Amino acid sequence: MSCYCNSSLPYSQCCEPYLKGQKFAERPQILMRSRYTAYCLKDAQYIHDTYAQAKQAQNSVDDIAAFANYAHFIKLEVLEEVA
């Protein structure tokens, strides 16, 4: 299956290792892609875990899950990569 983040890579080689905690997002683009994929998969815990600690208390896992269940994510388009 292609990754939800529109990278052209299979999910298993793209965002899955981040969502499973096997890899850490080294760059903002990778974090953004993995969080987008987590929203598509309704993985509220990953999204919560990747919030800044100061923001985690303001965004409960239940609130994130409710938003992910309500929203319909269509496509992530990365316009420019910053090195």
Protein backbone atom coordinates (compact mmCIF):
# COMPACT_ATOMS: atom_id res chain seq x y z
CA MET A 1 0.00 0.00 0.00
CA SER A 2 1.27 3.49 -0.86
CA CYS A 3 1.82 5.79 2.09
CA TYR A 4 -0.94 8.25 2.89
CA CYS A 5 1.57 11.12 2.91
CA ASN A 6 1.84 10.97 -0.89
CA SER A 7 5.57 10.23 -0.88
CA SER A 8 5.29 7.49 -3.56
CA LEU A 9 6.85 5.03 -1.10
CA PRO A 10 5.09 2.08 0.45
CA TYR A 11 3.69 2.80 3.91
CA SER A 12 6.01 0.17 5.40
CA GLN A 13 9.07 2.05 4.11
CA CYS A 14 7.78 5.55 4.74
CA CYS A 15 5.69 6.54 7.77
CA GLU A 16 5.03 3.19 9.43
CA PRO A 17 8.39 3.02 11.27
CA TYR A 18 7.68 6.45 12.79
CA LEU A 19 4.16 5.57 13.86
CA LYS A 20 5.41 2.32 15.40
CA GLY A 21 8.15 4.13 17.32
CA GLN A 22 10.95 2.39 15.43
CA LYS A 23 12.34 5.66 14.04
CA PHE A 24 12.36 9.30 15.14
CA ALA A 25 11.44 12.06 12.67
CA GLU A 26 14.74 13.86 12.10
CA ARG A 27 13.32 16.68 9.98
CA PRO A 28 10.14 18.76 10.14
CA GLN A 29 8.94 17.39 6.79
CA ILE A 30 9.17 13.82 8.04
CA LEU A 31 7.27 14.74 11.19
CA MET A 32 4.60 16.51 9.13
CA ARG A 33 4.23 13.52 6.81
CA SER A 34 4.05 11.04 9.66
CA ARG A 35 1.48 13.14 11.53
CA TYR A 36 -0.64 13.44 8.38
CA THR A 37 -0.51 9.67 7.99
CA ALA A 38 -1.42 9.25 11.66
CA TYR A 39 -4.51 11.43 11.14
CA CYS A 40 -5.50 9.30 8.14
CA LEU A 41 -5.09 6.16 10.22
CA LYS A 42 -6.76 7.81 13.24
CA ASP A 43 -3.69 7.15 15.40
CA ALA A 44 -4.46 9.80 18.00
CA GLN A 45 -1.80 8.57 20.41
CA TYR A 46 1.01 9.19 17.89
CA ILE A 47 -0.30 12.65 17.16
CA HIS A 48 -0.52 13.46 20.86
CA ASP A 49 2.95 12.06 21.50
CA THR A 50 4.42 14.27 18.78
CA TYR A 51 2.90 17.50 20.11
CA ALA A 52 5.27 19.81 21.95
CA GLN A 53 5.10 18.89 25.64
CA ALA A 54 3.72 22.34 26.47
CA LYS A 55 0.76 21.68 24.14
CA GLN A 56 -0.02 18.09 25.13
CA ALA A 57 -2.15 19.11 28.12
CA GLN A 58 -4.28 21.31 25.84
CA ASN A 59 -4.90 18.48 23.33
CA SER A 60 -6.11 15.24 24.85
CA VAL A 61 -5.88 11.96 22.97
CA ASP A 62 -9.69 11.81 23.02
CA ASP A 63 -9.98 15.29 21.48
CA ILE A 64 -7.46 14.40 18.78
CA ALA A 65 -9.30 11.15 18.06
CA ALA A 66 -12.61 13.01 17.79
CA PHE A 67 -11.10 15.43 15.27
CA ALA A 68 -9.48 12.62 13.27
CA ASN A 69 -12.80 10.77 13.16
CA TYR A 70 -14.65 13.91 12.07
CA ALA A 71 -12.20 15.16 9.43
CA HIS A 72 -11.68 13.64 5.99
CA PHE A 73 -8.09 13.95 4.85
CA ILE A 74 -7.78 14.02 1.08
CA LYS A 75 -4.16 14.63 0.16
CA LEU A 76 -0.91 15.99 1.52
CA GLU A 77 1.04 18.05 -0.96
CA VAL A 78 4.53 19.16 0.00
CA LEU A 79 5.42 22.24 -2.01
CA GLU A 80 8.98 22.70 -0.86
CA GLU A 81 11.44 20.79 1.30
CA VAL A 82 13.65 22.76 3.63
CA ALA A 83 17.02 21.14 4.25
